[in-house]
């Protein structure tokens, strides 16, 4: 079984990735004693994912999977996009970021609240990348709802009216942007 490093310390992401890529030996940065923080300074999700995977692979000398994902709000020209994790600075909590987004959108009607979540997963090994992409359409809820998930999950509402945070991990994994990106990546693994 191939050993692959998952380039994140985000426990929510790790859990999601391990549930979806069950046929691989996935190890976290913490498990291999690596505490690198790669600066996400690229203009695209793909650029950030590739940069993280490549920089960490150079240090750990193993194949690496890294992702970048974010919330893109149609009426705000795609904001916060690649800055989803840091548009309020690196020390802001998920709740603070979600509150800032809701404040920005407080006067928008239901049909003006369209958004999508995007994820790009980059696999890097010996100078080569495989990139998987996933996207889910939805909208921004009027207020946070649900106790599950992380990040923008309490404010991102999918078709059917539930936010990601109102879904079980299993429900979310069936339809999430990260799942779609990982499935896209897995398909390409099988084609190699």
N, C-alpha and C. Protein backbone atom coordinates (compact mmCIF):
# COMPACT_ATOMS: atom_id res chain seq x y z
N UNK A 1 0.85 -1.19 0.00
CA UNK A 1 0.00 0.00 0.00
C UNK A 1 0.89 1.24 0.00
N UNK A 2 0.60 2.15 -0.91
CA UNK A 2 1.42 3.35 -1.05
C UNK A 2 1.20 4.32 0.10
N UNK A 3 2.32 4.82 0.67
CA UNK A 3 2.25 5.81 1.76
C UNK A 3 2.23 7.20 1.14
N UNK A 4 1.25 8.00 1.54
CA UNK A 4 1.09 9.36 1.03
C UNK A 4 0.90 10.30 2.22
N UNK A 5 1.62 11.41 2.20
CA UNK A 5 1.48 12.42 3.25
C UNK A 5 0.34 13.36 2.89
N UNK A 6 -0.56 13.60 3.85
CA UNK A 6 -1.65 14.56 3.67
C UNK A 6 -1.17 15.88 4.26
N UNK A 7 -1.01 16.88 3.41
CA UNK A 7 -0.38 18.13 3.81
C UNK A 7 -1.35 19.10 4.47
N UNK A 8 -1.82 18.73 5.65
CA UNK A 8 -2.67 19.63 6.43
C UNK A 8 -2.62 19.21 7.89
N UNK A 9 -2.91 20.16 8.75
CA UNK A 9 -3.07 19.85 10.16
C UNK A 9 -4.53 20.05 10.56
N UNK A 10 -5.38 20.37 9.59
CA UNK A 10 -6.80 20.59 9.83
C UNK A 10 -7.48 19.23 10.03
N UNK A 11 -7.92 18.96 11.25
CA UNK A 11 -8.48 17.65 11.59
C UNK A 11 -9.72 17.31 10.76
N UNK A 12 -10.54 18.31 10.45
CA UNK A 12 -11.73 18.08 9.63
C UNK A 12 -11.36 17.59 8.24
N UNK A 13 -10.37 18.24 7.63
CA UNK A 13 -9.92 17.84 6.29
C UNK A 13 -9.31 16.44 6.32
N UNK A 14 -8.49 16.19 7.33
CA UNK A 14 -7.83 14.88 7.44
C UNK A 14 -8.87 13.77 7.51
N UNK A 15 -9.88 13.97 8.34
CA UNK A 15 -10.95 12.97 8.49
C UNK A 15 -11.64 12.73 7.15
N UNK A 16 -11.99 13.82 6.44
CA UNK A 16 -12.66 13.70 5.14
C UNK A 16 -11.79 12.94 4.13
N UNK A 17 -10.53 13.33 4.04
CA UNK A 17 -9.63 12.72 3.05
C UNK A 17 -9.42 11.23 3.35
N UNK A 18 -9.23 10.89 4.62
CA UNK A 18 -9.02 9.48 4.99
C UNK A 18 -10.26 8.63 4.70
N UNK A 19 -11.43 9.21 4.86
CA UNK A 19 -12.66 8.45 4.58
C UNK A 19 -12.84 8.22 3.09
N UNK A 20 -12.36 9.13 2.28
CA UNK A 20 -12.56 9.02 0.84
C UNK A 20 -11.45 8.20 0.16
N UNK A 21 -10.21 8.37 0.59
CA UNK A 21 -9.09 7.63 -0.02
C UNK A 21 -8.66 6.47 0.89
N UNK A 22 -9.58 5.55 1.09
CA UNK A 22 -9.36 4.44 2.03
C UNK A 22 -8.30 3.45 1.57
N UNK A 23 -8.03 3.37 0.28
CA UNK A 23 -7.12 2.34 -0.23
C UNK A 23 -5.65 2.74 -0.22
N UNK A 24 -5.34 3.84 0.46
CA UNK A 24 -3.96 4.31 0.52
C UNK A 24 -3.57 4.48 1.99
N UNK A 25 -2.28 4.33 2.27
CA UNK A 25 -1.80 4.58 3.64
C UNK A 25 -1.53 6.07 3.75
N UNK A 26 -2.47 6.78 4.37
CA UNK A 26 -2.35 8.23 4.49
C UNK A 26 -1.79 8.58 5.86
N UNK A 27 -0.75 9.40 5.87
CA UNK A 27 -0.16 9.85 7.13
C UNK A 27 -0.22 11.38 7.16
N UNK A 28 -0.41 11.90 8.35
CA UNK A 28 -0.50 13.36 8.50
C UNK A 28 0.89 13.94 8.74
N UNK A 29 0.98 15.24 8.60
CA UNK A 29 2.24 15.93 8.87
C UNK A 29 2.67 15.67 10.31
N UNK A 30 1.71 15.73 11.22
CA UNK A 30 2.00 15.53 12.63
C UNK A 30 2.55 14.12 12.88
N UNK A 31 1.96 13.12 12.22
CA UNK A 31 2.38 11.73 12.41
C UNK A 31 3.82 11.48 11.97
N UNK A 32 4.30 12.27 11.00
CA UNK A 32 5.69 12.08 10.55
C UNK A 32 6.62 13.15 11.12
N UNK A 33 6.10 13.94 12.07
CA UNK A 33 6.92 14.93 12.74
C UNK A 33 7.33 16.11 11.88
N UNK A 34 6.47 16.47 10.95
CA UNK A 34 6.75 17.59 10.05
C UNK A 34 5.83 18.76 10.43
N UNK A 35 6.43 19.91 10.71
CA UNK A 35 5.60 21.06 11.09
C UNK A 35 5.81 22.25 10.17
N UNK A 36 5.85 21.99 8.89
CA UNK A 36 6.03 23.05 7.89
C UNK A 36 4.71 23.78 7.67
N UNK A 37 4.78 25.09 7.61
CA UNK A 37 3.63 25.91 7.21
C UNK A 37 3.99 26.55 5.88
N UNK A 38 3.34 26.14 4.82
CA UNK A 38 3.61 26.70 3.50
C UNK A 38 2.70 27.91 3.30
N UNK A 39 3.30 29.02 2.92
CA UNK A 39 2.51 30.23 2.69
C UNK A 39 1.65 30.08 1.43
N UNK A 40 0.36 30.30 1.58
CA UNK A 40 -0.57 30.23 0.44
C UNK A 40 -0.63 31.61 -0.21
N UNK A 41 0.25 31.85 -1.17
CA UNK A 41 0.33 33.18 -1.77
C UNK A 41 0.10 33.16 -3.28
N UNK A 42 -0.49 32.07 -3.77
CA UNK A 42 -0.77 31.97 -5.20
C UNK A 42 -2.13 32.61 -5.52
N UNK A 43 -2.38 32.86 -6.78
CA UNK A 43 -3.61 33.53 -7.20
C UNK A 43 -4.79 32.58 -7.41
N UNK A 44 -4.50 31.26 -7.40
CA UNK A 44 -5.56 30.28 -7.66
C UNK A 44 -5.51 29.16 -6.63
N UNK A 45 -6.63 28.45 -6.50
CA UNK A 45 -6.66 27.28 -5.64
C UNK A 45 -5.63 26.25 -6.10
N UNK A 46 -5.55 26.05 -7.41
CA UNK A 46 -4.61 25.07 -7.95
C UNK A 46 -3.17 25.47 -7.64
N UNK A 47 -2.86 26.74 -7.79
CA UNK A 47 -1.50 27.22 -7.50
C UNK A 47 -1.11 26.96 -6.05
N UNK A 48 -2.03 27.24 -5.12
CA UNK A 48 -1.75 27.01 -3.70
C UNK A 48 -1.59 25.53 -3.38
N UNK A 49 -2.48 24.69 -3.95
CA UNK A 49 -2.42 23.25 -3.69
C UNK A 49 -1.10 22.67 -4.21
N UNK A 50 -0.71 23.05 -5.42
CA UNK A 50 0.53 22.54 -6.01
C UNK A 50 1.74 23.00 -5.20
N UNK A 51 1.73 24.26 -4.81
CA UNK A 51 2.87 24.80 -4.04
C UNK A 51 3.04 24.03 -2.73
N UNK A 52 1.93 23.82 -2.01
CA UNK A 52 2.00 23.09 -0.74
C UNK A 52 2.52 21.66 -0.96
N UNK A 53 1.96 20.97 -1.94
CA UNK A 53 2.36 19.58 -2.18
C UNK A 53 3.85 19.48 -2.52
N UNK A 54 4.30 20.34 -3.40
CA UNK A 54 5.69 20.29 -3.86
C UNK A 54 6.67 20.65 -2.74
N UNK A 55 6.38 21.72 -2.01
CA UNK A 55 7.31 22.15 -0.96
C UNK A 55 7.42 21.12 0.16
N UNK A 56 6.30 20.51 0.52
CA UNK A 56 6.34 19.51 1.59
C UNK A 56 7.00 18.23 1.11
N UNK A 57 6.75 17.83 -0.13
CA UNK A 57 7.37 16.62 -0.69
C UNK A 57 8.90 16.74 -0.69
N UNK A 58 9.41 17.93 -0.96
CA UNK A 58 10.87 18.14 -0.96
C UNK A 58 11.46 17.82 0.41
N UNK A 59 10.72 18.13 1.46
CA UNK A 59 11.21 17.92 2.83
C UNK A 59 11.00 16.49 3.30
N UNK A 60 9.81 15.94 3.06
CA UNK A 60 9.48 14.61 3.62
C UNK A 60 9.92 13.45 2.74
N UNK A 61 10.29 13.75 1.49
CA UNK A 61 10.77 12.71 0.55
C UNK A 61 9.75 11.59 0.34
N UNK A 62 8.48 11.95 0.34
CA UNK A 62 7.37 11.02 0.08
C UNK A 62 6.37 11.72 -0.83
N UNK A 63 5.47 10.97 -1.48
CA UNK A 63 4.40 11.60 -2.23
C UNK A 63 3.50 12.40 -1.27
N UNK A 64 2.96 13.50 -1.76
CA UNK A 64 2.15 14.38 -0.92
C UNK A 64 0.85 14.76 -1.63
N UNK A 65 -0.23 14.79 -0.84
CA UNK A 65 -1.50 15.33 -1.31
C UNK A 65 -1.74 16.62 -0.53
N UNK A 66 -2.03 17.69 -1.25
CA UNK A 66 -2.37 18.96 -0.62
C UNK A 66 -3.60 19.51 -1.31
N UNK A 67 -4.38 20.28 -0.57
CA UNK A 67 -5.55 20.86 -1.20
C UNK A 67 -5.65 22.34 -0.87
N UNK A 68 -6.42 23.02 -1.66
CA UNK A 68 -6.83 24.37 -1.32
C UNK A 68 -8.29 24.46 -1.73
N UNK A 69 -9.06 25.07 -0.89
CA UNK A 69 -10.48 25.16 -1.18
C UNK A 69 -11.02 26.46 -0.63
N UNK A 70 -12.19 26.83 -1.10
CA UNK A 70 -12.77 28.06 -0.59
C UNK A 70 -14.17 28.30 -1.10
N UNK A 71 -14.71 29.33 -0.56
CA UNK A 71 -16.07 29.76 -0.83
C UNK A 71 -16.01 30.91 -1.83
N UNK A 72 -16.82 30.83 -2.88
CA UNK A 72 -16.85 31.87 -3.91
C UNK A 72 -18.28 32.38 -4.04
N UNK A 73 -18.51 33.62 -3.65
CA UNK A 73 -19.85 34.19 -3.64
C UNK A 73 -20.07 35.00 -4.91
N UNK A 74 -21.06 34.58 -5.68
CA UNK A 74 -21.32 35.16 -7.00
C UNK A 74 -21.48 36.67 -6.95
N UNK A 75 -22.33 37.16 -6.05
CA UNK A 75 -22.64 38.59 -5.99
C UNK A 75 -21.50 39.44 -5.44
N UNK A 76 -20.48 38.80 -4.91
CA UNK A 76 -19.31 39.52 -4.38
C UNK A 76 -18.08 39.24 -5.24
N UNK A 77 -18.31 39.02 -6.53
CA UNK A 77 -17.24 38.78 -7.51
C UNK A 77 -16.30 37.64 -7.10
N UNK A 78 -16.89 36.58 -6.51
CA UNK A 78 -16.09 35.42 -6.14
C UNK A 78 -15.43 35.51 -4.77
N UNK A 79 -15.64 36.60 -4.06
CA UNK A 79 -15.08 36.76 -2.71
C UNK A 79 -15.64 35.69 -1.79
N UNK A 80 -14.92 35.19 -0.82
CA UNK A 80 -13.50 35.41 -0.51
C UNK A 80 -12.53 34.57 -1.34
N UNK A 81 -13.03 33.57 -2.08
CA UNK A 81 -12.18 32.81 -3.02
C UNK A 81 -10.94 32.22 -2.38
N UNK A 82 -9.78 32.44 -3.01
CA UNK A 82 -8.54 31.86 -2.49
C UNK A 82 -8.16 32.43 -1.13
N UNK A 83 -8.83 33.49 -0.71
CA UNK A 83 -8.53 34.10 0.59
C UNK A 83 -9.49 33.63 1.68
N UNK A 84 -10.31 32.62 1.41
CA UNK A 84 -11.32 32.16 2.36
C UNK A 84 -10.74 31.92 3.76
N UNK A 85 -9.61 31.27 3.84
CA UNK A 85 -9.03 30.92 5.14
C UNK A 85 -8.39 32.13 5.84
N UNK A 86 -8.09 33.19 5.10
CA UNK A 86 -7.29 34.26 5.70
C UNK A 86 -7.75 35.68 5.39
N UNK A 87 -8.98 35.86 4.89
CA UNK A 87 -9.40 37.22 4.52
C UNK A 87 -9.56 38.15 5.72
N UNK A 88 -9.67 37.60 6.93
CA UNK A 88 -9.70 38.41 8.15
C UNK A 88 -8.39 38.29 8.92
N UNK A 89 -7.38 37.74 8.29
CA UNK A 89 -6.11 37.50 8.99
C UNK A 89 -6.05 36.05 9.43
N UNK A 90 -4.86 35.62 9.79
CA UNK A 90 -4.67 34.20 10.09
C UNK A 90 -5.15 33.80 11.48
N UNK A 91 -5.44 34.76 12.35
CA UNK A 91 -5.88 34.38 13.70
C UNK A 91 -7.41 34.43 13.88
N UNK A 92 -8.13 34.83 12.83
CA UNK A 92 -9.60 34.90 12.94
C UNK A 92 -10.18 33.49 13.01
N UNK A 93 -11.21 33.33 13.83
CA UNK A 93 -11.88 32.03 13.95
C UNK A 93 -12.85 31.83 12.78
N UNK A 94 -13.28 30.57 12.60
CA UNK A 94 -14.29 30.29 11.57
C UNK A 94 -15.55 31.10 11.84
N UNK A 95 -15.96 31.18 13.09
CA UNK A 95 -17.17 31.92 13.45
C UNK A 95 -17.04 33.41 13.09
N UNK A 96 -15.87 33.99 13.31
CA UNK A 96 -15.64 35.40 12.98
C UNK A 96 -15.70 35.62 11.46
N UNK A 97 -15.09 34.70 10.71
CA UNK A 97 -15.10 34.81 9.25
C UNK A 97 -16.53 34.68 8.71
N UNK A 98 -17.26 33.69 9.25
CA UNK A 98 -18.65 33.50 8.80
C UNK A 98 -19.50 34.72 9.14
N UNK A 99 -19.30 35.30 10.32
CA UNK A 99 -20.06 36.49 10.72
C UNK A 99 -19.75 37.66 9.78
N UNK A 100 -18.49 37.81 9.38
CA UNK A 100 -18.10 38.88 8.46
C UNK A 100 -18.77 38.71 7.09
N UNK A 101 -18.82 37.47 6.62
CA UNK A 101 -19.48 37.20 5.33
C UNK A 101 -20.97 37.51 5.42
N UNK A 102 -21.62 37.06 6.49
CA UNK A 102 -23.05 37.31 6.66
C UNK A 102 -23.33 38.80 6.77
N UNK A 103 -22.47 39.54 7.43
CA UNK A 103 -22.64 41.00 7.56
C UNK A 103 -22.55 41.65 6.18
N UNK A 104 -21.60 41.23 5.38
CA UNK A 104 -21.41 41.76 4.02
C UNK A 104 -22.65 41.50 3.15
N UNK A 105 -23.38 40.42 3.45
CA UNK A 105 -24.49 40.00 2.60
C UNK A 105 -25.86 40.28 3.21
N UNK A 106 -25.89 41.00 4.32
CA UNK A 106 -27.13 41.13 5.09
C UNK A 106 -28.29 41.73 4.30
N UNK A 107 -28.02 42.56 3.32
CA UNK A 107 -29.10 43.19 2.56
C UNK A 107 -29.43 42.47 1.25
N UNK A 108 -28.78 41.36 0.99
CA UNK A 108 -29.01 40.64 -0.26
C UNK A 108 -30.20 39.70 -0.14
N UNK A 109 -31.03 39.72 -1.19
CA UNK A 109 -32.19 38.82 -1.22
C UNK A 109 -31.74 37.40 -1.53
N UNK A 110 -32.66 36.47 -1.35
CA UNK A 110 -32.39 35.04 -1.53
C UNK A 110 -31.70 34.73 -2.87
N UNK A 111 -32.23 35.29 -3.96
CA UNK A 111 -31.68 34.99 -5.29
C UNK A 111 -30.32 35.65 -5.52
N UNK A 112 -29.91 36.53 -4.61
CA UNK A 112 -28.61 37.21 -4.73
C UNK A 112 -27.55 36.53 -3.86
N UNK A 113 -27.88 35.41 -3.26
CA UNK A 113 -26.98 34.76 -2.28
C UNK A 113 -26.27 33.53 -2.87
N UNK A 114 -26.29 33.39 -4.21
CA UNK A 114 -25.66 32.23 -4.85
C UNK A 114 -24.17 32.19 -4.54
N UNK A 115 -23.71 30.98 -4.31
CA UNK A 115 -22.29 30.77 -4.02
C UNK A 115 -21.90 29.37 -4.46
N UNK A 116 -20.62 29.15 -4.54
CA UNK A 116 -20.14 27.79 -4.79
C UNK A 116 -18.91 27.58 -3.93
N UNK A 117 -18.65 26.32 -3.63
CA UNK A 117 -17.42 25.97 -2.95
C UNK A 117 -16.58 25.17 -3.94
N UNK A 118 -15.30 25.50 -3.96
CA UNK A 118 -14.38 24.84 -4.89
C UNK A 118 -13.27 24.20 -4.10
N UNK A 119 -12.77 23.11 -4.64
CA UNK A 119 -11.61 22.45 -4.03
C UNK A 119 -10.71 21.94 -5.16
N UNK A 120 -9.43 22.16 -4.97
CA UNK A 120 -8.43 21.57 -5.86
C UNK A 120 -7.48 20.76 -5.00
N UNK A 121 -7.28 19.50 -5.38
CA UNK A 121 -6.37 18.61 -4.67
C UNK A 121 -5.20 18.32 -5.61
N UNK A 122 -3.99 18.55 -5.12
CA UNK A 122 -2.80 18.28 -5.92
C UNK A 122 -2.01 17.14 -5.28
N UNK A 123 -1.66 16.16 -6.11
CA UNK A 123 -0.81 15.06 -5.69
C UNK A 123 0.53 15.30 -6.36
N UNK A 124 1.61 15.24 -5.58
CA UNK A 124 2.94 15.48 -6.13
C UNK A 124 3.87 14.33 -5.77
N UNK A 125 4.54 13.80 -6.80
CA UNK A 125 5.51 12.74 -6.58
C UNK A 125 6.57 12.82 -7.67
N UNK A 126 7.84 12.92 -7.24
CA UNK A 126 8.99 12.89 -8.16
C UNK A 126 8.81 13.80 -9.38
N UNK A 127 8.49 15.06 -9.11
CA UNK A 127 8.43 16.05 -10.19
C UNK A 127 7.14 16.08 -10.98
N UNK A 128 6.18 15.24 -10.64
CA UNK A 128 4.93 15.21 -11.40
C UNK A 128 3.72 15.50 -10.51
N UNK A 129 2.78 16.22 -11.12
CA UNK A 129 1.53 16.53 -10.43
C UNK A 129 0.37 15.78 -11.05
N UNK A 130 -0.59 15.41 -10.21
CA UNK A 130 -1.92 15.01 -10.67
C UNK A 130 -2.86 15.93 -9.91
N UNK A 131 -3.80 16.53 -10.63
CA UNK A 131 -4.68 17.53 -10.01
C UNK A 131 -6.14 17.10 -10.15
N UNK A 132 -6.85 17.09 -9.03
CA UNK A 132 -8.28 16.81 -9.03
C UNK A 132 -9.06 18.06 -8.65
N UNK A 133 -10.21 18.26 -9.28
CA UNK A 133 -11.01 19.46 -9.02
C UNK A 133 -12.45 19.09 -8.70
N UNK A 134 -13.03 19.85 -7.78
CA UNK A 134 -14.43 19.64 -7.41
C UNK A 134 -15.11 20.95 -7.07
N UNK A 135 -16.40 20.99 -7.32
CA UNK A 135 -17.16 22.22 -7.10
C UNK A 135 -18.60 21.85 -6.74
N UNK A 136 -19.19 22.60 -5.83
CA UNK A 136 -20.59 22.40 -5.46
C UNK A 136 -21.28 23.76 -5.45
N UNK A 137 -22.44 23.81 -6.11
CA UNK A 137 -23.25 25.03 -6.14
C UNK A 137 -24.14 25.08 -4.91
N UNK A 138 -24.40 26.28 -4.44
CA UNK A 138 -25.29 26.45 -3.30
C UNK A 138 -25.58 27.92 -3.09
N UNK A 139 -25.81 28.28 -1.84
CA UNK A 139 -26.03 29.68 -1.51
C UNK A 139 -25.64 29.93 -0.06
N UNK A 140 -25.55 31.18 0.28
CA UNK A 140 -25.19 31.56 1.65
C UNK A 140 -26.48 31.67 2.45
N UNK A 141 -26.53 30.94 3.55
CA UNK A 141 -27.71 30.95 4.43
C UNK A 141 -27.83 32.33 5.09
N UNK A 142 -29.00 32.62 5.64
CA UNK A 142 -29.22 33.90 6.33
C UNK A 142 -28.47 33.96 7.65
N UNK A 143 -28.28 32.80 8.28
CA UNK A 143 -27.54 32.75 9.55
C UNK A 143 -26.90 31.37 9.68
N UNK A 144 -25.88 31.23 10.53
CA UNK A 144 -25.24 29.92 10.69
C UNK A 144 -26.23 28.89 11.23
N UNK A 145 -26.13 27.67 10.68
CA UNK A 145 -26.99 26.57 11.14
C UNK A 145 -26.20 25.28 11.15
N UNK A 146 -26.37 24.50 12.22
CA UNK A 146 -25.73 23.19 12.30
C UNK A 146 -24.52 23.17 13.21
N UNK A 147 -24.19 21.98 13.67
CA UNK A 147 -23.09 21.80 14.63
C UNK A 147 -21.91 21.03 14.06
N UNK A 148 -22.06 20.46 12.88
CA UNK A 148 -21.00 19.62 12.31
C UNK A 148 -20.09 20.43 11.40
N UNK A 149 -19.03 19.81 10.97
CA UNK A 149 -18.16 20.44 9.98
C UNK A 149 -17.22 21.48 10.55
N UNK A 150 -16.68 22.28 9.65
CA UNK A 150 -15.70 23.31 10.01
C UNK A 150 -15.72 24.38 8.94
N UNK A 151 -14.97 25.45 9.14
CA UNK A 151 -14.88 26.51 8.14
C UNK A 151 -16.24 27.15 7.88
N UNK A 152 -16.59 27.25 6.62
CA UNK A 152 -17.84 27.92 6.22
C UNK A 152 -19.03 26.96 6.20
N UNK A 153 -18.86 25.74 6.69
CA UNK A 153 -19.95 24.74 6.66
C UNK A 153 -21.27 25.25 7.25
N UNK A 154 -21.28 26.04 8.35
CA UNK A 154 -22.56 26.49 8.92
C UNK A 154 -23.32 27.50 8.06
N UNK A 155 -22.64 28.13 7.09
CA UNK A 155 -23.35 29.15 6.28
C UNK A 155 -23.53 28.75 4.82
N UNK A 156 -22.94 27.62 4.41
CA UNK A 156 -23.08 27.20 3.02
C UNK A 156 -24.21 26.19 2.91
N UNK A 157 -25.25 26.60 2.20
CA UNK A 157 -26.46 25.79 2.05
C UNK A 157 -26.50 25.17 0.66
N UNK A 158 -26.72 23.87 0.62
CA UNK A 158 -26.77 23.17 -0.66
C UNK A 158 -28.23 22.94 -1.08
N UNK A 159 -28.38 22.41 -2.29
CA UNK A 159 -29.71 22.08 -2.79
C UNK A 159 -30.40 21.16 -1.78
N UNK A 160 -31.63 21.46 -1.48
CA UNK A 160 -32.34 20.68 -0.46
C UNK A 160 -32.47 21.46 0.84
N UNK A 161 -31.72 22.57 0.96
CA UNK A 161 -31.89 23.47 2.09
C UNK A 161 -31.03 23.26 3.31
N UNK A 162 -30.21 22.21 3.35
CA UNK A 162 -29.35 22.00 4.50
C UNK A 162 -28.01 22.70 4.31
N UNK A 163 -27.44 23.19 5.42
CA UNK A 163 -26.05 23.65 5.35
C UNK A 163 -25.16 22.43 5.51
N UNK A 164 -23.90 22.56 5.11
CA UNK A 164 -22.95 21.47 5.32
C UNK A 164 -22.90 21.09 6.80
N UNK A 165 -23.02 22.08 7.69
CA UNK A 165 -22.91 21.81 9.13
C UNK A 165 -24.13 21.09 9.69
N UNK A 166 -25.24 21.06 8.94
CA UNK A 166 -26.44 20.33 9.36
C UNK A 166 -26.41 18.88 8.89
N UNK A 167 -25.42 18.54 8.07
CA UNK A 167 -25.31 17.18 7.54
C UNK A 167 -24.39 16.35 8.42
N UNK A 168 -24.60 15.04 8.39
CA UNK A 168 -23.64 14.14 9.04
C UNK A 168 -22.39 14.14 8.16
N UNK A 169 -21.28 13.69 8.73
CA UNK A 169 -20.03 13.60 7.96
C UNK A 169 -20.25 12.74 6.72
N UNK A 170 -21.00 11.65 6.88
CA UNK A 170 -21.27 10.74 5.77
C UNK A 170 -22.06 11.44 4.66
N UNK A 171 -23.10 12.20 5.05
CA UNK A 171 -23.90 12.94 4.05
C UNK A 171 -23.03 13.95 3.30
N UNK A 172 -22.24 14.71 4.05
CA UNK A 172 -21.40 15.73 3.43
C UNK A 172 -20.39 15.09 2.48
N UNK A 173 -19.77 14.01 2.93
CA UNK A 173 -18.75 13.36 2.10
C UNK A 173 -19.31 12.84 0.78
N UNK A 174 -20.60 12.54 0.74
CA UNK A 174 -21.20 12.05 -0.50
C UNK A 174 -21.25 13.13 -1.57
N UNK A 175 -21.33 14.39 -1.15
CA UNK A 175 -21.56 15.46 -2.12
C UNK A 175 -20.55 16.61 -2.06
N UNK A 176 -19.60 16.55 -1.16
CA UNK A 176 -18.74 17.72 -0.94
C UNK A 176 -17.82 18.02 -2.11
N UNK A 177 -17.39 19.26 -2.17
CA UNK A 177 -16.44 19.72 -3.18
C UNK A 177 -15.11 18.97 -3.02
N UNK A 178 -14.72 18.67 -1.77
CA UNK A 178 -13.47 17.93 -1.54
C UNK A 178 -13.62 16.50 -2.04
N UNK A 179 -14.77 15.89 -1.82
CA UNK A 179 -15.00 14.53 -2.32
C UNK A 179 -14.89 14.52 -3.85
N UNK A 180 -15.54 15.49 -4.49
CA UNK A 180 -15.50 15.54 -5.96
C UNK A 180 -14.06 15.69 -6.46
N UNK A 181 -13.28 16.53 -5.78
CA UNK A 181 -11.88 16.72 -6.18
C UNK A 181 -11.07 15.44 -5.94
N UNK A 182 -11.31 14.79 -4.80
CA UNK A 182 -10.59 13.55 -4.49
C UNK A 182 -10.99 12.41 -5.42
N UNK A 183 -12.28 12.35 -5.78
CA UNK A 183 -12.74 11.32 -6.73
C UNK A 183 -12.10 11.56 -8.10
N UNK A 184 -12.01 12.83 -8.49
CA UNK A 184 -11.37 13.20 -9.75
C UNK A 184 -9.90 12.75 -9.72
N UNK A 185 -9.23 13.01 -8.61
CA UNK A 185 -7.83 12.61 -8.43
C UNK A 185 -7.69 11.09 -8.47
N UNK A 186 -8.55 10.39 -7.76
CA UNK A 186 -8.51 8.92 -7.68
C UNK A 186 -8.69 8.32 -9.07
N UNK A 187 -9.60 8.88 -9.84
CA UNK A 187 -9.84 8.40 -11.20
C UNK A 187 -8.57 8.51 -12.04
N UNK A 188 -7.85 9.62 -11.87
CA UNK A 188 -6.61 9.82 -12.61
C UNK A 188 -5.51 8.87 -12.12
N UNK A 189 -5.49 8.55 -10.82
CA UNK A 189 -4.54 7.55 -10.30
C UNK A 189 -4.75 6.23 -11.03
N UNK A 190 -6.01 5.85 -11.18
CA UNK A 190 -6.34 4.56 -11.78
C UNK A 190 -6.01 4.53 -13.27
N UNK A 191 -6.03 5.71 -13.91
CA UNK A 191 -5.73 5.79 -15.34
C UNK A 191 -4.24 5.75 -15.62
N UNK A 192 -3.41 6.00 -14.60
CA UNK A 192 -1.93 6.05 -14.79
C UNK A 192 -1.36 4.66 -15.00
